[in-house]
C-alpha atoms as a PDB file:
ATOM      1  CA  UNK A   1      50.784 -22.875  -3.515  1.00  0.00           C
ATOM      2  CA  UNK A   2      50.386 -19.114  -2.960  1.00  0.00           C
ATOM      3  CA  UNK A   3      50.955 -19.339   0.787  1.00  0.00           C
ATOM      4  CA  UNK A   4      54.141 -21.380   0.826  1.00  0.00           C
ATOM      5  CA  UNK A   5      57.060 -20.011   2.819  1.00  0.00           C
ATOM      6  CA  UNK A   6      59.003 -19.402  -0.389  1.00  0.00           C
ATOM      7  CA  UNK A   7      56.164 -17.434  -2.036  1.00  0.00           C
ATOM      8  CA  UNK A   8      55.640 -15.344   1.115  1.00  0.00           C
ATOM      9  CA  UNK A   9      59.380 -14.619   1.266  1.00  0.00           C
ATOM     10  CA  UNK A  10      59.404 -13.583  -2.405  1.00  0.00           C
ATOM     11  CA  UNK A  11      56.396 -11.302  -1.903  1.00  0.00           C
ATOM     12  CA  UNK A  12      57.929  -9.666   1.205  1.00  0.00           C
ATOM     13  CA  UNK A  13      61.219  -9.109  -0.609  1.00  0.00           C
ATOM     14  CA  UNK A  14      59.498  -7.651  -3.682  1.00  0.00           C
ATOM     15  CA  UNK A  15      57.462  -5.315  -1.465  1.00  0.00           C
ATOM     16  CA  UNK A  16      60.601  -4.123   0.339  1.00  0.00           C
ATOM     17  CA  UNK A  17      62.478  -3.521  -2.911  1.00  0.00           C
ATOM     18  CA  UNK A  18      59.552  -1.650  -4.484  1.00  0.00           C
ATOM     19  CA  UNK A  19      59.143   0.520  -1.393  1.00  0.00           C
ATOM     20  CA  UNK A  20      62.871   1.215  -1.184  1.00  0.00           C
ATOM     21  CA  UNK A  21      63.046   2.126  -4.883  1.00  0.00           C
ATOM     22  CA  UNK A  22      60.147   4.541  -4.487  1.00  0.00           C
ATOM     23  CA  UNK A  23      61.421   6.165  -1.300  1.00  0.00           C
ATOM     24  CA  UNK A  24      65.004   6.311  -2.590  1.00  0.00           C
ATOM     25  CA  UNK A  25      63.921   8.745  -5.319  1.00  0.00           C
ATOM     26  CA  UNK A  26      63.262  11.299  -2.569  1.00  0.00           C
ATOM     27  CA  UNK A  27      66.509  13.212  -2.028  1.00  0.00           C
ATOM     28  CA  UNK A  28      65.578  13.951   1.593  1.00  0.00           C
ATOM     29  CA  UNK A  29      65.411  10.217   2.294  1.00  0.00           C
ATOM     30  CA  UNK A  30      68.601   9.303   0.453  1.00  0.00           C
ATOM     31  CA  UNK A  31      70.515  12.409   1.486  1.00  0.00           C
ATOM     32  CA  UNK A  32      72.668  14.601  -0.709  1.00  0.00           C
ATOM     33  CA  UNK A  33      75.869  12.704   0.023  1.00  0.00           C
ATOM     34  CA  UNK A  34      74.936   9.368  -1.559  1.00  0.00           C
ATOM     35  CA  UNK A  35      76.831   8.577  -4.779  1.00  0.00           C
ATOM     36  CA  UNK A  36      74.302   7.512  -7.399  1.00  0.00           C
ATOM     37  CA  UNK A  37      75.552   4.923  -9.849  1.00  0.00           C
ATOM     38  CA  UNK A  38      73.898   4.071 -13.148  1.00  0.00           C
ATOM     39  CA  UNK A  39      73.421   0.821 -14.973  1.00  0.00           C
ATOM     40  CA  UNK A  40      74.162   0.689 -18.687  1.00  0.00           C
ATOM     41  CA  UNK A  41      70.550   1.582 -19.519  1.00  0.00           C
ATOM     42  CA  UNK A  42      71.221   4.996 -17.901  1.00  0.00           C
ATOM     43  CA  UNK A  43      68.953   4.272 -14.949  1.00  0.00           C
ATOM     44  CA  UNK A  44      70.014   4.400 -11.318  1.00  0.00           C
ATOM     45  CA  UNK A  45      71.150   0.999 -10.051  1.00  0.00           C
ATOM     46  CA  UNK A  46      68.276  -0.538  -8.168  1.00  0.00           C
ATOM     47  CA  UNK A  47      68.726  -2.924  -5.263  1.00  0.00           C
ATOM     48  CA  UNK A  48      68.155  -6.613  -5.729  1.00  0.00           C
ATOM     49  CA  UNK A  49      68.726  -9.680  -3.631  1.00  0.00           C
ATOM     50  CA  UNK A  50      69.372 -12.046  -6.550  1.00  0.00           C
ATOM     51  CA  UNK A  51      72.912 -13.319  -7.193  1.00  0.00           C
ATOM     52  CA  UNK A  52      74.610 -11.154  -4.576  1.00  0.00           C
ATOM     53  CA  UNK A  53      72.689  -7.970  -5.290  1.00  0.00           C
ATOM     54  CA  UNK A  54      73.112  -5.149  -7.769  1.00  0.00           C
ATOM     55  CA  UNK A  55      76.877  -4.950  -7.490  1.00  0.00           C
ATOM     56  CA  UNK A  56      78.055  -6.726  -4.351  1.00  0.00           C
ATOM     57  CA  UNK A  57      78.732 -10.001  -6.161  1.00  0.00           C
ATOM     58  CA  UNK A  58      80.938  -8.213  -8.679  1.00  0.00           C
ATOM     59  CA  UNK A  59      83.227  -6.468  -6.197  1.00  0.00           C
ATOM     60  CA  UNK A  60      83.309  -8.491  -3.002  1.00  0.00           C
ATOM     61  CA  UNK A  61      86.390 -10.500  -4.011  1.00  0.00           C
ATOM     62  CA  UNK A  62      88.782  -7.776  -2.805  1.00  0.00           C
ATOM     63  CA  UNK A  63      87.830  -6.599   0.654  1.00  0.00           C
ATOM     64  CA  UNK A  64      90.065  -3.491   0.642  1.00  0.00           C
ATOM     65  CA  UNK A  65      88.672  -2.188  -2.658  1.00  0.00           C
ATOM     66  CA  UNK A  66      85.138  -3.120  -1.598  1.00  0.00           C
ATOM     67  CA  UNK A  67      85.544  -1.194   1.678  1.00  0.00           C
ATOM     68  CA  UNK A  68      86.787   1.935  -0.070  1.00  0.00           C
ATOM     69  CA  UNK A  69      83.993   1.672  -2.648  1.00  0.00           C
ATOM     70  CA  UNK A  70      81.397   1.565   0.128  1.00  0.00           C
ATOM     71  CA  UNK A  71      83.030   4.567   1.778  1.00  0.00           C
ATOM     72  CA  UNK A  72      82.878   6.519  -1.479  1.00  0.00           C
ATOM     73  CA  UNK A  73      79.260   5.545  -2.241  1.00  0.00           C
ATOM     74  CA  UNK A  74      78.101   6.535   1.230  1.00  0.00           C
ATOM     75  CA  UNK A  75      80.485   9.512   1.404  1.00  0.00           C
ATOM     76  CA  UNK A  76      81.555   8.188   4.754  1.00  0.00           C
ATOM     77  CA  UNK A  77      85.293   8.057   4.109  1.00  0.00           C
ATOM     78  CA  UNK A  78      88.149   9.288   6.304  1.00  0.00           C
ATOM     79  CA  UNK A  79      88.801  12.452   4.282  1.00  0.00           C
ATOM     80  CA  UNK A  80      88.708  16.190   5.009  1.00  0.00           C
ATOM     81  CA  UNK A  81      85.015  16.793   4.251  1.00  0.00           C
ATOM     82  CA  UNK A  82      84.027  13.879   6.514  1.00  0.00           C
ATOM     83  CA  UNK A  83      86.239  15.172   9.325  1.00  0.00           C
ATOM     84  CA  UNK A  84      84.705  18.627   8.908  1.00  0.00           C
ATOM     85  CA  UNK A  85      81.117  17.341   8.767  1.00  0.00           C
ATOM     86  CA  UNK A  86      81.499  15.297  11.948  1.00  0.00           C
ATOM     87  CA  UNK A  87      83.766  17.791  13.744  1.00  0.00           C
ATOM     88  CA  UNK A  88      86.681  15.357  13.962  1.00  0.00           C
ATOM     89  CA  UNK A  89      89.989  16.895  14.934  1.00  0.00           C
ATOM     90  CA  UNK A  90      91.906  15.830  11.828  1.00  0.00           C
ATOM     91  CA  UNK A  91      93.289  17.830   8.934  1.00  0.00           C
ATOM     92  CA  UNK A  92      90.764  18.842   6.274  1.00  0.00           C
ATOM     93  CA  UNK A  93      93.501  19.434   3.694  1.00  0.00           C
ATOM     94  CA  UNK A  94      94.328  17.104   0.835  1.00  0.00           C
ATOM     95  CA  UNK A  95      97.885  15.831   0.411  1.00  0.00           C
ATOM     96  CA  UNK A  96      98.054  17.837  -2.824  1.00  0.00           C
ATOM     97  CA  UNK A  97      97.505  21.102  -0.894  1.00  0.00           C
ATOM     98  CA  UNK A  98      93.812  21.827  -1.522  1.00  0.00           C
ATOM     99  CA  UNK A  99      92.285  23.284   1.696  1.00  0.00           C
ATOM    100  CA  UNK A 100      89.285  20.915   1.825  1.00  0.00           C
ATOM    101  CA  UNK A 101      89.590  17.340   0.594  1.00  0.00           C
ATOM    102  CA  UNK A 102      86.208  16.258  -0.827  1.00  0.00           C
ATOM    103  CA  UNK A 103      84.976  13.244  -2.775  1.00  0.00           C
ATOM    104  CA  UNK A 104      84.611  15.323  -5.920  1.00  0.00           C
ATOM    105  CA  UNK A 105      88.164  16.622  -5.543  1.00  0.00           C
ATOM    106  CA  UNK A 106      89.515  13.086  -5.108  1.00  0.00           C
ATOM    107  CA  UNK A 107      87.584  11.774  -8.124  1.00  0.00           C
ATOM    108  CA  UNK A 108      88.203  14.605 -10.601  1.00  0.00           C
ATOM    109  CA  UNK A 109      91.002  16.956  -9.594  1.00  0.00           C
ATOM    110  CA  UNK A 110      93.550  15.546  -7.152  1.00  0.00           C
ATOM    111  CA  UNK A 111      97.067  15.346  -8.551  1.00  0.00           C
ATOM    112  CA  UNK A 112      97.834  12.487  -6.134  1.00  0.00           C
ATOM    113  CA  UNK A 113      95.415  10.095  -7.878  1.00  0.00           C
ATOM    114  CA  UNK A 114      95.067   8.624 -11.338  1.00  0.00           C
ATOM    115  CA  UNK A 115      91.837  10.259 -12.500  1.00  0.00           C
ATOM    116  CA  UNK A 116      89.029   8.582 -14.406  1.00  0.00           C
ATOM    117  CA  UNK A 117      88.335  11.208 -17.056  1.00  0.00           C
ATOM    118  CA  UNK A 118      89.426  14.525 -18.448  1.00  0.00           C
ATOM    119  CA  UNK A 119      85.870  15.928 -18.340  1.00  0.00           C
ATOM    120  CA  UNK A 120      85.728  16.505 -14.559  1.00  0.00           C
ATOM    121  CA  UNK A 121      83.080  14.045 -13.568  1.00  0.00           C
ATOM    122  CA  UNK A 122      83.196  11.315 -11.013  1.00  0.00           C
ATOM    123  CA  UNK A 123      82.304   7.687 -11.600  1.00  0.00           C
ATOM    124  CA  UNK A 124      78.869   6.983 -13.079  1.00  0.00           C
ATOM    125  CA  UNK A 125      79.050   3.212 -13.427  1.00  0.00           C
ATOM    126  CA  UNK A 126      80.031   0.465 -11.006  1.00  0.00           C
ATOM    127  CA  UNK A 127      82.994  -0.528 -13.201  1.00  0.00           C
ATOM    128  CA  UNK A 128      84.392   2.997 -13.026  1.00  0.00           C
ATOM    129  CA  UNK A 129      83.947   3.069  -9.287  1.00  0.00           C
ATOM    130  CA  UNK A 130      85.697  -0.311  -8.962  1.00  0.00           C
ATOM    131  CA  UNK A 131      88.583   0.892 -11.135  1.00  0.00           C
ATOM    132  CA  UNK A 132      89.254   4.042  -9.111  1.00  0.00           C
ATOM    133  CA  UNK A 133      90.109   2.576  -5.667  1.00  0.00           C
ATOM    134  CA  UNK A 134      91.692  -0.451  -7.327  1.00  0.00           C
ATOM    135  CA  UNK A 135      94.238   1.814  -9.083  1.00  0.00           C
ATOM    136  CA  UNK A 136      94.429   4.469  -6.330  1.00  0.00           C
ATOM    137  CA  UNK A 137      95.322   2.504  -3.231  1.00  0.00           C
ATOM    138  CA  UNK A 138      95.215   5.518  -0.877  1.00  0.00           C
ATOM    139  CA  UNK A 139      91.851   6.855  -2.096  1.00  0.00           C
ATOM    140  CA  UNK A 140      89.213   6.666   0.657  1.00  0.00           C
ATOM    141  CA  UNK A 141      91.554   4.579   2.803  1.00  0.00           C
ATOM    142  CA  UNK A 142      92.072   4.911   6.518  1.00  0.00           C
ATOM    143  CA  UNK A 143      95.372   6.617   7.114  1.00  0.00           C
ATOM    144  CA  UNK A 144      97.685   4.440   9.134  1.00  0.00           C
ATOM    145  CA  UNK A 145      99.063   6.180  12.198  1.00  0.00           C
ATOM    146  CA  UNK A 146     102.791   6.666  12.550  1.00  0.00           C
ATOM    147  CA  UNK A 147     104.850   4.927  15.208  1.00  0.00           C
ATOM    148  CA  UNK A 148     103.874   5.538  18.809  1.00  0.00           C
ATOM    149  CA  UNK A 149     105.940   8.177  20.649  1.00  0.00           C
ATOM    150  CA  UNK A 150     108.667   6.952  22.999  1.00  0.00           C
ATOM    151  CA  UNK A 151     107.342   5.381  26.182  1.00  0.00           C
ATOM    152  CA  UNK A 152     103.857   4.646  24.756  1.00  0.00           C
ATOM    153  CA  UNK A 153     102.656   1.180  23.792  1.00  0.00           C
END
């Protein structure tokens, strides 16, 4: 039956995904900070709701890695460029001494992290992005504050 609840749900979902895929091609909509990942056919990973989505089902088993992956995809991580962009009173410097810690620096140049490649590019595929925070435990992680000063807490 074409008007069953299941068929209406499928049609609504397909419409949403088609619209999102079309709009997402517009850089103004997606923003310049979004990390685009490719599938193995060299196309940009498209959203899907089936089997946990495009990549969520593959990486959700480790919450800490998943969190840092999301931060790197959205470029919404507690690093120098984020602090600068949102005028947060935190250091913009990287631990390695570079004046402005950026996503690109973390992925391709930082001496404090095990880098993906020698060809100065960041991750292109979901597996590469999973590997990076999994092997670099401090990458895109919230810095833990030191002990509270005497008399506080």
